[in-house]
Amino acid sequence: MKISREIKTALLALAGIALFIFGFSYLKANPIFQSARTFYAIYSHVGGLTTGTVVTINGFPVGKIQDIRFMDSSGKLLVTFNVEDDFQFSKNSKAEIYEAGVIGGKALAIMPAFDNAETAKSGDTLTTSYRPGLTESVENKLQPFLKDLDKLLVSTNSVVGKVDSVFDAKAQADLKRSLSGLSQVIDNFKKTSRSIDGIVAGNKERLDKTIANAENITSNLSKVSDTLAQANLGKTVKDLQATVNNMNGILAKIESGDGSVGKLLKDEALYDNLSGASKQLEQLLQDMKLNPKRYVHFSLFGKRPKQYDPPKETPETSVEENSKN
């Protein structure tokens, strides 16, 4: 059967239209021979997400983004994407935009929820989330640092300006003189250090002996401390405390007038009697000194002692005795 030219032209036209539709669908990431589910997600910012970007679940490609357009005058964006895989997930699953790589741009991932809720169906709108990428994380962390750096630079500039205004020619000359004096001080320290090194080197043997003596003293102190530790200091302290308590009791009794010593100290009548007796004894001794014959009779040949006659008092003798008394 001979095919006419018109039929051939029509077939070529249909084939061209089919190829155009297939190519357009491929470029638009629309499946032609597969049944896919279509979902929607609403974002305030897509971060550079484009149509044809792969949609993944747990890192596995399951579809592509079909369309991104403004939803309304508020500026929100409606992202339309399809899922070609038969994998089922909950209606509460999230559509999350994330960074596919440092230079890989943005991608869309479905974060499936397994909460026994209703299964997501074609035409549902999923909740959205946004995961900052490495570049955004670094930028967010560097932003406060850059602000602080700007403040530091401003402060540094102001300090440098103030330093320039303070350090005039005279101040610079004074600073140079101060540095020169500091250099001399350092040289003197070096000389003193060398002198000390020489003294130490010259007296090394004496220093060794001194250190050895110190070690011996430390050893002796350690032995003494061991001896004191072994001694029954507790019992000694208790005995001393008991002695002190007894002494306090005795002093308390003396203070209260108990006993002979207490009565001697506190009894005024006894004190007056002793004082009177002492005075009478003193008068007796004085009278024995002045008139020994009244008390002692001595005869070499056994004669009878004469009767003692007291001397007659005269005004002169009475005055003399009163003056002696």
C-alpha atoms as a PDB file:
ATOM      1  CA  MET A   1       0.000   0.000   0.000  1.00  0.00           C
ATOM      2  CA  LYS A   2       1.435   3.265  -1.013  1.00  0.00           C
ATOM      3  CA  ILE A   3       1.323   5.976   1.634  1.00  0.00           C
ATOM      4  CA  SER A   4       0.602   9.360   0.339  1.00  0.00           C
ATOM      5  CA  ARG A   5       2.726  12.390   0.973  1.00  0.00           C
ATOM      6  CA  GLU A   6       0.055  14.055   3.073  1.00  0.00           C
ATOM      7  CA  ILE A   7      -0.085  11.100   5.467  1.00  0.00           C
ATOM      8  CA  LYS A   8       3.695  11.105   5.799  1.00  0.00           C
ATOM      9  CA  THR A   9       3.600  14.812   6.534  1.00  0.00           C
ATOM     10  CA  ALA A  10       0.902  14.318   9.144  1.00  0.00           C
ATOM     11  CA  LEU A  11       2.829  11.502  10.818  1.00  0.00           C
ATOM     12  CA  LEU A  12       5.983  13.617  10.930  1.00  0.00           C
ATOM     13  CA  ALA A  13       4.001  16.481  12.432  1.00  0.00           C
ATOM     14  CA  LEU A  14       2.501  14.221  15.107  1.00  0.00           C
ATOM     15  CA  ALA A  15       5.916  12.759  15.903  1.00  0.00           C
ATOM     16  CA  GLY A  16       7.320  16.268  16.216  1.00  0.00           C
ATOM     17  CA  ILE A  17       4.516  17.322  18.532  1.00  0.00           C
ATOM     18  CA  ALA A  18       5.041  14.201  20.659  1.00  0.00           C
ATOM     19  CA  LEU A  19       8.777  14.841  20.866  1.00  0.00           C
ATOM     20  CA  PHE A  20       8.100  18.460  21.811  1.00  0.00           C
ATOM     21  CA  ILE A  21       5.702  17.436  24.563  1.00  0.00           C
ATOM     22  CA  PHE A  22       8.118  14.809  25.824  1.00  0.00           C
ATOM     23  CA  GLY A  23      11.045  17.209  25.801  1.00  0.00           C
ATOM     24  CA  PHE A  24       9.047  19.942  27.488  1.00  0.00           C
ATOM     25  CA  SER A  25       7.831  17.552  30.151  1.00  0.00           C
ATOM     26  CA  TYR A  26      11.358  16.307  30.720  1.00  0.00           C
ATOM     27  CA  LEU A  27      12.681  19.814  31.076  1.00  0.00           C
ATOM     28  CA  LYS A  28       9.812  20.644  33.435  1.00  0.00           C
ATOM     29  CA  ALA A  29      10.543  17.455  35.408  1.00  0.00           C
ATOM     30  CA  ASN A  30       7.026  16.156  34.796  1.00  0.00           C
ATOM     31  CA  PRO A  31       6.773  12.372  34.540  1.00  0.00           C
ATOM     32  CA  ILE A  32       5.035  11.171  31.413  1.00  0.00           C
ATOM     33  CA  PHE A  33       4.826   7.416  31.756  1.00  0.00           C
ATOM     34  CA  GLN A  34       4.621   7.270  35.540  1.00  0.00           C
ATOM     35  CA  SER A  35       1.850   8.099  37.948  1.00  0.00           C
ATOM     36  CA  ALA A  36       3.103  10.623  40.512  1.00  0.00           C
ATOM     37  CA  ARG A  37       1.606  12.297  43.538  1.00  0.00           C
ATOM     38  CA  THR A  38       1.663  16.080  43.654  1.00  0.00           C
ATOM     39  CA  PHE A  39       2.250  18.025  46.898  1.00  0.00           C
ATOM     40  CA  TYR A  40       2.535  21.679  47.818  1.00  0.00           C
ATOM     41  CA  ALA A  41       4.626  23.644  50.291  1.00  0.00           C
ATOM     42  CA  ILE A  42       4.474  27.360  51.180  1.00  0.00           C
ATOM     43  CA  TYR A  43       7.685  29.284  52.043  1.00  0.00           C
ATOM     44  CA  SER A  44       8.494  32.888  52.804  1.00  0.00           C
ATOM     45  CA  HIS A  45      11.975  32.343  51.308  1.00  0.00           C
ATOM     46  CA  VAL A  46      13.213  29.460  49.161  1.00  0.00           C
ATOM     47  CA  GLY A  47      16.917  30.361  49.317  1.00  0.00           C
ATOM     48  CA  GLY A  48      17.581  29.887  45.591  1.00  0.00           C
ATOM     49  CA  LEU A  49      15.570  26.697  45.117  1.00  0.00           C
ATOM     50  CA  THR A  50      14.818  26.050  41.390  1.00  0.00           C
ATOM     51  CA  THR A  51      12.465  23.874  39.367  1.00  0.00           C
ATOM     52  CA  GLY A  52      13.781  20.453  38.443  1.00  0.00           C
ATOM     53  CA  THR A  53      15.588  20.099  41.786  1.00  0.00           C
ATOM     54  CA  VAL A  54      15.507  16.579  43.173  1.00  0.00           C
ATOM     55  CA  VAL A  55      13.148  15.803  46.073  1.00  0.00           C
ATOM     56  CA  THR A  56      14.517  13.214  48.508  1.00  0.00           C
ATOM     57  CA  ILE A  57      13.328  11.119  51.428  1.00  0.00           C
ATOM     58  CA  ASN A  58      16.143  10.068  53.777  1.00  0.00           C
ATOM     59  CA  GLY A  59      18.605  11.040  51.023  1.00  0.00           C
ATOM     60  CA  PHE A  60      16.928   8.878  48.341  1.00  0.00           C
ATOM     61  CA  PRO A  61      15.532  10.705  45.252  1.00  0.00           C
ATOM     62  CA  VAL A  62      11.760  10.241  44.997  1.00  0.00           C
ATOM     63  CA  GLY A  63      10.685  13.148  42.768  1.00  0.00           C
ATOM     64  CA  LYS A  64      11.382  16.639  41.461  1.00  0.00           C
ATOM     65  CA  ILE A  65      10.155  20.192  41.925  1.00  0.00           C
ATOM     66  CA  GLN A  66       7.666  21.133  39.218  1.00  0.00           C
ATOM     67  CA  ASP A  67       6.905  24.766  39.827  1.00  0.00           C
ATOM     68  CA  ILE A  68       7.752  27.730  42.105  1.00  0.00           C
ATOM     69  CA  ARG A  69       5.582  30.844  41.997  1.00  0.00           C
ATOM     70  CA  PHE A  70       4.325  33.662  44.194  1.00  0.00           C
ATOM     71  CA  MET A  71       1.243  32.642  46.074  1.00  0.00           C
ATOM     72  CA  ASP A  72      -0.219  36.098  46.701  1.00  0.00           C
ATOM     73  CA  SER A  73       0.697  39.732  47.247  1.00  0.00           C
ATOM     74  CA  SER A  74       2.303  38.893  50.620  1.00  0.00           C
ATOM     75  CA  GLY A  75       5.346  37.545  48.804  1.00  0.00           C
ATOM     76  CA  LYS A  76       4.999  33.960  49.975  1.00  0.00           C
ATOM     77  CA  LEU A  77       6.106  31.304  47.519  1.00  0.00           C
ATOM     78  CA  LEU A  78       4.135  28.197  46.527  1.00  0.00           C
ATOM     79  CA  VAL A  79       6.387  25.236  45.709  1.00  0.00           C
ATOM     80  CA  THR A  80       4.802  22.393  43.719  1.00  0.00           C
ATOM     81  CA  PHE A  81       6.638  19.070  43.668  1.00  0.00           C
ATOM     82  CA  ASN A  82       5.813  15.483  42.794  1.00  0.00           C
ATOM     83  CA  VAL A  83       6.681  12.191  44.435  1.00  0.00           C
ATOM     84  CA  GLU A  84       7.046   9.306  41.974  1.00  0.00           C
ATOM     85  CA  ASP A  85       7.819   6.672  44.589  1.00  0.00           C
ATOM     86  CA  ASP A  86       5.059   4.692  46.284  1.00  0.00           C
ATOM     87  CA  PHE A  87       6.594   5.294  49.724  1.00  0.00           C
ATOM     88  CA  GLN A  88       3.832   6.309  52.138  1.00  0.00           C
ATOM     89  CA  PHE A  89       4.244   8.953  54.835  1.00  0.00           C
ATOM     90  CA  SER A  90       2.039  10.860  57.241  1.00  0.00           C
ATOM     91  CA  LYS A  91       0.169  14.029  56.462  1.00  0.00           C
ATOM     92  CA  ASN A  92       2.144  15.682  59.278  1.00  0.00           C
ATOM     93  CA  SER A  93       5.448  15.192  57.428  1.00  0.00           C
ATOM     94  CA  LYS A  94       7.562  18.279  56.679  1.00  0.00           C
ATOM     95  CA  ALA A  95       8.994  19.609  53.420  1.00  0.00           C
ATOM     96  CA  GLU A  96      12.410  20.949  54.418  1.00  0.00           C
ATOM     97  CA  ILE A  97      14.734  23.072  52.288  1.00  0.00           C
ATOM     98  CA  TYR A  98      18.407  22.316  52.924  1.00  0.00           C
ATOM     99  CA  GLU A  99      21.785  23.004  51.374  1.00  0.00           C
ATOM    100  CA  ALA A 100      22.823  20.160  49.076  1.00  0.00           C
ATOM    101  CA  GLY A 101      26.486  21.163  49.275  1.00  0.00           C
ATOM    102  CA  VAL A 102      28.878  24.092  49.454  1.00  0.00           C
ATOM    103  CA  ILE A 103      28.320  24.840  45.732  1.00  0.00           C
ATOM    104  CA  GLY A 104      25.410  22.459  45.101  1.00  0.00           C
ATOM    105  CA  GLY A 105      22.608  24.945  45.768  1.00  0.00           C
ATOM    106  CA  LYS A 106      19.391  24.217  47.654  1.00  0.00           C
ATOM    107  CA  ALA A 107      17.347  21.017  47.627  1.00  0.00           C
ATOM    108  CA  LEU A 108      14.062  19.796  49.058  1.00  0.00           C
ATOM    109  CA  ALA A 109      13.693  16.857  51.405  1.00  0.00           C
ATOM    110  CA  ILE A 110      10.582  15.301  52.848  1.00  0.00           C
ATOM    111  CA  MET A 111      10.984  14.571  56.565  1.00  0.00           C
ATOM    112  CA  PRO A 112       8.512  11.701  56.961  1.00  0.00           C
ATOM    113  CA  ALA A 113       6.450  11.478  60.133  1.00  0.00           C
ATOM    114  CA  PHE A 114       5.282   8.097  61.373  1.00  0.00           C
ATOM    115  CA  ASP A 115       2.698   9.167  63.950  1.00  0.00           C
ATOM    116  CA  ASN A 116      -0.218   6.960  62.843  1.00  0.00           C
ATOM    117  CA  ALA A 117      -1.924  10.022  61.406  1.00  0.00           C
ATOM    118  CA  GLU A 118      -3.697  10.147  58.052  1.00  0.00           C
ATOM    119  CA  THR A 119      -1.511   9.233  55.068  1.00  0.00           C
ATOM    120  CA  ALA A 120      -0.537  12.116  52.813  1.00  0.00           C
ATOM    121  CA  LYS A 121      -2.432  12.166  49.515  1.00  0.00           C
ATOM    122  CA  SER A 122      -1.820  13.887  46.217  1.00  0.00           C
ATOM    123  CA  GLY A 123      -2.807  17.559  46.469  1.00  0.00           C
ATOM    124  CA  ASP A 124      -2.005  17.932  50.188  1.00  0.00           C
ATOM    125  CA  THR A 125       0.016  20.896  51.463  1.00  0.00           C
ATOM    126  CA  LEU A 126       2.841  19.861  53.797  1.00  0.00           C
ATOM    127  CA  THR A 127       4.231  21.893  56.643  1.00  0.00           C
ATOM    128  CA  THR A 128       7.574  23.507  55.890  1.00  0.00           C
ATOM    129  CA  SER A 129      10.911  24.033  57.596  1.00  0.00           C
ATOM    130  CA  TYR A 130      14.271  25.493  56.673  1.00  0.00           C
ATOM    131  CA  ARG A 131      17.667  24.057  57.624  1.00  0.00           C
ATOM    132  CA  PRO A 132      20.521  26.606  57.511  1.00  0.00           C
ATOM    133  CA  GLY A 133      23.477  25.511  55.435  1.00  0.00           C
ATOM    134  CA  LEU A 134      27.162  25.656  56.249  1.00  0.00           C
ATOM    135  CA  THR A 135      27.579  29.091  54.713  1.00  0.00           C
ATOM    136  CA  GLU A 136      24.628  30.530  56.625  1.00  0.00           C
ATOM    137  CA  SER A 137      25.770  28.942  59.902  1.00  0.00           C
ATOM    138  CA  VAL A 138      29.246  30.398  59.501  1.00  0.00           C
ATOM    139  CA  GLU A 139      27.765  33.767  58.579  1.00  0.00           C
ATOM    140  CA  ASN A 140      25.451  33.734  61.615  1.00  0.00           C
ATOM    141  CA  LYS A 141      28.327  32.895  63.927  1.00  0.00           C
ATOM    142  CA  LEU A 142      30.671  35.432  62.344  1.00  0.00           C
ATOM    143  CA  GLN A 143      28.125  38.232  62.447  1.00  0.00           C
ATOM    144  CA  PRO A 144      28.478  38.977  66.216  1.00  0.00           C
ATOM    145  CA  PHE A 145      32.246  38.656  65.907  1.00  0.00           C
ATOM    146  CA  LEU A 146      32.318  41.148  63.050  1.00  0.00           C
ATOM    147  CA  LYS A 147      30.211  43.597  65.073  1.00  0.00           C
ATOM    148  CA  ASP A 148      32.589  43.284  68.020  1.00  0.00           C
ATOM    149  CA  LEU A 149      35.533  43.679  65.640  1.00  0.00           C
ATOM    150  CA  ASP A 150      34.057  46.900  64.278  1.00  0.00           C
ATOM    151  CA  LYS A 151      33.635  48.235  67.825  1.00  0.00           C
ATOM    152  CA  LEU A 152      37.208  47.209  68.629  1.00  0.00           C
ATOM    153  CA  LEU A 153      38.546  48.978  65.561  1.00  0.00           C
ATOM    154  CA  VAL A 154      36.657  52.144  66.464  1.00  0.00           C
ATOM    155  CA  SER A 155      37.998  51.986  70.037  1.00  0.00           C
ATOM    156  CA  THR A 156      41.512  51.331  68.738  1.00  0.00           C
ATOM    157  CA  ASN A 157      41.333  54.329  66.443  1.00  0.00           C
ATOM    158  CA  SER A 158      40.190  56.564  69.287  1.00  0.00           C
ATOM    159  CA  VAL A 159      42.952  55.240  71.563  1.00  0.00           C
ATOM    160  CA  VAL A 160      45.571  55.763  68.865  1.00  0.00           C
ATOM    161  CA  GLY A 161      44.326  59.313  68.372  1.00  0.00           C
ATOM    162  CA  LYS A 162      44.533  60.012  72.104  1.00  0.00           C
ATOM    163  CA  VAL A 163      48.020  58.478  72.278  1.00  0.00           C
ATOM    164  CA  ASP A 164      49.157  60.659  69.400  1.00  0.00           C
ATOM    165  CA  SER A 165      47.806  63.722  71.171  1.00  0.00           C
ATOM    166  CA  VAL A 166      49.458  62.764  74.479  1.00  0.00           C
ATOM    167  CA  PHE A 167      52.874  61.763  73.165  1.00  0.00           C
ATOM    168  CA  ASP A 168      54.145  65.082  71.926  1.00  0.00           C
ATOM    169  CA  ALA A 169      57.844  65.870  71.355  1.00  0.00           C
ATOM    170  CA  LYS A 170      58.529  66.457  75.061  1.00  0.00           C
ATOM    171  CA  ALA A 171      56.738  63.253  76.112  1.00  0.00           C
ATOM    172  CA  GLN A 172      58.650  61.274  73.507  1.00  0.00           C
ATOM    173  CA  ALA A 173      61.954  62.694  74.810  1.00  0.00           C
ATOM    174  CA  ASP A 174      60.955  61.810  78.404  1.00  0.00           C
ATOM    175  CA  LEU A 175      60.020  58.308  77.286  1.00  0.00           C
ATOM    176  CA  LYS A 176      63.394  57.885  75.627  1.00  0.00           C
ATOM    177  CA  ARG A 177      65.156  59.018  78.800  1.00  0.00           C
ATOM    178  CA  SER A 178      63.026  56.600  80.835  1.00  0.00           C
ATOM    179  CA  LEU A 179      63.918  53.743  78.530  1.00  0.00           C
ATOM    180  CA  SER A 180      67.592  54.698  78.789  1.00  0.00           C
ATOM    181  CA  GLY A 181      67.344  54.685  82.594  1.00  0.00           C
ATOM    182  CA  LEU A 182      65.567  51.335  82.499  1.00  0.00           C
ATOM    183  CA  SER A 183      68.398  49.964  80.361  1.00  0.00           C
ATOM    184  CA  GLN A 184      70.917  51.136  82.973  1.00  0.00           C
ATOM    185  CA  VAL A 185      68.883  49.511  85.735  1.00  0.00           C
ATOM    186  CA  ILE A 186      68.877  46.253  83.803  1.00  0.00           C
ATOM    187  CA  ASP A 187      72.674  46.495  83.361  1.00  0.00           C
ATOM    188  CA  ASN A 188      73.051  47.036  87.112  1.00  0.00           C
ATOM    189  CA  PHE A 189      70.888  43.990  87.764  1.00  0.00           C
ATOM    190  CA  LYS A 190      73.123  41.987  85.475  1.00  0.00           C
ATOM    191  CA  LYS A 191      76.248  43.156  87.326  1.00  0.00           C
ATOM    192  CA  THR A 192      74.595  42.374  90.682  1.00  0.00           C
ATOM    193  CA  SER A 193      73.640  38.945  89.410  1.00  0.00           C
ATOM    194  CA  ARG A 194      77.218  38.240  88.331  1.00  0.00           C
ATOM    195  CA  SER A 195      78.468  39.391  91.743  1.00  0.00           C
ATOM    196  CA  ILE A 196      75.992  37.108  93.498  1.00  0.00           C
ATOM    197  CA  ASP A 197      77.078  34.237  91.261  1.00  0.00           C
ATOM    198  CA  GLY A 198      80.692  34.898  92.233  1.00  0.00           C
ATOM    199  CA  ILE A 199      79.834  34.996  95.941  1.00  0.00           C
ATOM    200  CA  VAL A 200      77.906  31.758  95.668  1.00  0.00           C
ATOM    201  CA  ALA A 201      80.718  30.084  93.751  1.00  0.00           C
ATOM    202  CA  GLY A 202      83.327  31.263  96.299  1.00  0.00           C
ATOM    203  CA  ASN A 203      81.280  30.094  99.280  1.00  0.00           C
ATOM    204  CA  LYS A 204      79.901  26.917  97.802  1.00  0.00           C
ATOM    205  CA  GLU A 205      81.567  24.726 100.425  1.00  0.00           C
ATOM    206  CA  ARG A 206      80.186  26.849 103.284  1.00  0.00           C
ATOM    207  CA  LEU A 207      76.738  26.856 101.758  1.00  0.00           C
ATOM    208  CA  ASP A 208      76.904  23.072 101.442  1.00  0.00           C
ATOM    209  CA  LYS A 209      77.850  22.797 105.099  1.00  0.00           C
ATOM    210  CA  THR A 210      75.063  25.197 106.081  1.00  0.00           C
ATOM    211  CA  ILE A 211      72.530  23.178 104.139  1.00  0.00           C
ATOM    212  CA  ALA A 212      73.866  19.966 105.705  1.00  0.00           C
ATOM    213  CA  ASN A 213      73.559  21.519 109.179  1.00  0.00           C
ATOM    214  CA  ALA A 214      70.026  22.602 108.371  1.00  0.00           C
ATOM    215  CA  GLU A 215      69.214  19.043 107.343  1.00  0.00           C
ATOM    216  CA  ASN A 216      70.695  17.746 110.615  1.00  0.00           C
ATOM    217  CA  ILE A 217      68.654  20.280 112.592  1.00  0.00           C
ATOM    218  CA  THR A 218      65.545  19.214 110.728  1.00  0.00           C
ATOM    219  CA  SER A 219      66.343  15.584 111.461  1.00  0.00           C
ATOM    220  CA  ASN A 220      66.854  16.347 115.168  1.00  0.00           C
ATOM    221  CA  LEU A 221      63.600  18.293 115.293  1.00  0.00           C
ATOM    222  CA  SER A 222      61.881  15.344 113.683  1.00  0.00           C
ATOM    223  CA  LYS A 223      63.305  13.026 116.340  1.00  0.00           C
ATOM    224  CA  VAL A 224      62.271  15.439 119.104  1.00  0.00           C
ATOM    225  CA  SER A 225      58.786  15.626 117.658  1.00  0.00           C
ATOM    226  CA  ASP A 226      58.657  11.815 117.546  1.00  0.00           C
ATOM    227  CA  THR A 227      59.769  11.677 121.177  1.00  0.00           C
ATOM    228  CA  LEU A 228      57.121  14.213 122.175  1.00  0.00           C
ATOM    229  CA  ALA A 229      54.547  12.262 120.223  1.00  0.00           C
ATOM    230  CA  GLN A 230      55.503   9.070 122.046  1.00  0.00           C
ATOM    231  CA  ALA A 231      55.453  10.786 125.438  1.00  0.00           C
ATOM    232  CA  ASN A 232      52.225  10.726 127.382  1.00  0.00           C
ATOM    233  CA  LEU A 233      51.590  14.454 127.073  1.00  0.00           C
ATOM    234  CA  GLY A 234      47.902  13.973 127.534  1.00  0.00           C
ATOM    235  CA  LYS A 235      48.326  12.544 131.027  1.00  0.00           C
ATOM    236  CA  THR A 236      50.838  15.278 131.918  1.00  0.00           C
ATOM    237  CA  VAL A 237      48.451  17.973 130.779  1.00  0.00           C
ATOM    238  CA  LYS A 238      45.608  16.375 132.743  1.00  0.00           C
ATOM    239  CA  ASP A 239      47.782  16.198 135.904  1.00  0.00           C
ATOM    240  CA  LEU A 240      48.802  19.815 135.425  1.00  0.00           C
ATOM    241  CA  GLN A 241      45.166  20.785 135.007  1.00  0.00           C
ATOM    242  CA  ALA A 242      44.256  18.885 138.180  1.00  0.00           C
ATOM    243  CA  THR A 243      47.086  20.673 140.071  1.00  0.00           C
ATOM    244  CA  VAL A 244      45.892  24.032 138.827  1.00  0.00           C
ATOM    245  CA  ASN A 245      42.335  23.165 139.891  1.00  0.00           C
ATOM    246  CA  ASN A 246      43.572  22.179 143.372  1.00  0.00           C
ATOM    247  CA  MET A 247      45.555  25.428 143.623  1.00  0.00           C
ATOM    248  CA  ASN A 248      42.487  27.381 142.614  1.00  0.00           C
ATOM    249  CA  GLY A 249      40.503  25.561 145.328  1.00  0.00           C
ATOM    250  CA  ILE A 250      43.131  26.379 147.962  1.00  0.00           C
ATOM    251  CA  LEU A 251      43.235  30.022 146.944  1.00  0.00           C
ATOM    252  CA  ALA A 252      39.447  30.138 147.024  1.00  0.00           C
ATOM    253  CA  LYS A 253      39.416  28.744 150.566  1.00  0.00           C
ATOM    254  CA  ILE A 254      42.095  31.230 151.626  1.00  0.00           C
ATOM    255  CA  GLU A 255      40.070  34.031 150.055  1.00  0.00           C
ATOM    256  CA  SER A 256      36.948  32.882 151.899  1.00  0.00           C
ATOM    257  CA  GLY A 257      38.858  32.698 155.218  1.00  0.00           C
ATOM    258  CA  ASP A 258      38.845  28.930 155.696  1.00  0.00           C
ATOM    259  CA  GLY A 259      41.805  27.247 157.397  1.00  0.00           C
ATOM    260  CA  SER A 260      44.740  28.697 159.328  1.00  0.00           C
ATOM    261  CA  VAL A 261      46.142  30.719 156.434  1.00  0.00           C
ATOM    262  CA  GLY A 262      42.693  32.047 155.604  1.00  0.00           C
ATOM    263  CA  LYS A 263      42.004  33.036 159.171  1.00  0.00           C
ATOM    264  CA  LEU A 264      45.462  34.587 159.415  1.00  0.00           C
ATOM    265  CA  LEU A 265      44.745  36.695 156.360  1.00  0.00           C
ATOM    266  CA  LYS A 266      41.085  37.433 157.012  1.00  0.00           C
ATOM    267  CA  ASP A 267      40.691  37.425 160.871  1.00  0.00           C
ATOM    268  CA  GLU A 268      41.417  41.005 161.966  1.00  0.00           C
ATOM    269  CA  ALA A 269      41.256  40.152 165.658  1.00  0.00           C
ATOM    270  CA  LEU A 270      43.989  37.546 165.259  1.00  0.00           C
ATOM    271  CA  TYR A 271      46.015  40.065 163.314  1.00  0.00           C
ATOM    272  CA  ASP A 272      45.560  42.645 166.070  1.00  0.00           C
ATOM    273  CA  ASN A 273      46.545  40.098 168.755  1.00  0.00           C
ATOM    274  CA  LEU A 274      49.657  39.081 166.834  1.00  0.00           C
ATOM    275  CA  SER A 275      50.517  42.715 166.241  1.00  0.00           C
ATOM    276  CA  GLY A 276      50.061  43.476 169.975  1.00  0.00           C
ATOM    277  CA  ALA A 277      52.117  40.437 170.989  1.00  0.00           C
ATOM    278  CA  SER A 278      54.872  41.461 168.605  1.00  0.00           C
ATOM    279  CA  LYS A 279      54.886  44.934 170.054  1.00  0.00           C
ATOM    280  CA  GLN A 280      55.021  43.621 173.627  1.00  0.00           C
ATOM    281  CA  LEU A 281      57.871  41.258 172.691  1.00  0.00           C
ATOM    282  CA  GLU A 282      59.729  44.175 171.186  1.00  0.00           C
ATOM    283  CA  GLN A 283      59.241  46.187 174.414  1.00  0.00           C
ATOM    284  CA  LEU A 284      60.419  43.173 176.482  1.00  0.00           C
ATOM    285  CA  LEU A 285      63.582  42.819 174.440  1.00  0.00           C
ATOM    286  CA  GLN A 286      64.181  46.537 174.677  1.00  0.00           C
ATOM    287  CA  ASP A 287      63.734  46.421 178.470  1.00  0.00           C
ATOM    288  CA  MET A 288      66.095  43.389 178.709  1.00  0.00           C
ATOM    289  CA  LYS A 289      68.671  45.314 176.747  1.00  0.00           C
ATOM    290  CA  LEU A 290      68.363  48.374 178.976  1.00  0.00           C
ATOM    291  CA  ASN A 291      67.940  46.557 182.305  1.00  0.00           C
ATOM    292  CA  PRO A 292      69.618  43.163 182.100  1.00  0.00           C
ATOM    293  CA  LYS A 293      69.999  42.942 185.920  1.00  0.00           C
ATOM    294  CA  ARG A 294      66.250  42.780 186.261  1.00  0.00           C
ATOM    295  CA  TYR A 295      66.182  39.433 184.442  1.00  0.00           C
ATOM    296  CA  VAL A 296      69.682  37.860 184.850  1.00  0.00           C
ATOM    297  CA  HIS A 297      71.378  37.359 188.298  1.00  0.00           C
ATOM    298  CA  PHE A 298      74.954  36.049 188.150  1.00  0.00           C
ATOM    299  CA  SER A 299      77.321  35.518 191.109  1.00  0.00           C
ATOM    300  CA  LEU A 300      80.810  33.979 190.796  1.00  0.00           C
ATOM    301  CA  PHE A 301      81.129  33.011 194.537  1.00  0.00           C
ATOM    302  CA  GLY A 302      77.567  32.034 195.273  1.00  0.00           C
ATOM    303  CA  LYS A 303      76.556  35.231 196.916  1.00  0.00           C
ATOM    304  CA  ARG A 304      72.943  35.985 197.325  1.00  0.00           C
ATOM    305  CA  PRO A 305      71.833  38.283 194.598  1.00  0.00           C
ATOM    306  CA  LYS A 306      70.859  41.723 195.607  1.00  0.00           C
ATOM    307  CA  GLN A 307      67.410  42.937 195.171  1.00  0.00           C
ATOM    308  CA  TYR A 308      67.036  44.910 192.022  1.00  0.00           C
ATOM    309  CA  ASP A 309      65.971  48.457 192.527  1.00  0.00           C
ATOM    310  CA  PRO A 310      64.741  50.227 189.455  1.00  0.00           C
ATOM    311  CA  PRO A 311      66.502  53.465 188.789  1.00  0.00           C
ATOM    312  CA  LYS A 312      64.732  56.590 189.638  1.00  0.00           C
ATOM    313  CA  GLU A 313      63.303  58.323 186.746  1.00  0.00           C
ATOM    314  CA  THR A 314      64.511  61.800 186.143  1.00  0.00           C
ATOM    315  CA  PRO A 315      63.211  64.178 183.593  1.00  0.00           C
ATOM    316  CA  GLU A 316      66.292  63.614 181.477  1.00  0.00           C
ATOM    317  CA  THR A 317      66.017  59.789 181.543  1.00  0.00           C
ATOM    318  CA  SER A 318      62.281  59.845 180.822  1.00  0.00           C
ATOM    319  CA  VAL A 319      62.864  62.072 177.840  1.00  0.00           C
ATOM    320  CA  GLU A 320      65.705  59.790 176.642  1.00  0.00           C
ATOM    321  CA  GLU A 321      63.578  56.624 177.030  1.00  0.00           C
ATOM    322  CA  ASN A 322      60.667  58.223 175.236  1.00  0.00           C
ATOM    323  CA  SER A 323      62.949  59.263 172.439  1.00  0.00           C
ATOM    324  CA  LYS A 324      64.293  55.672 172.161  1.00  0.00           C
ATOM    325  CA  ASN A 325      60.809  54.248 172.218  1.00  0.00           C
END
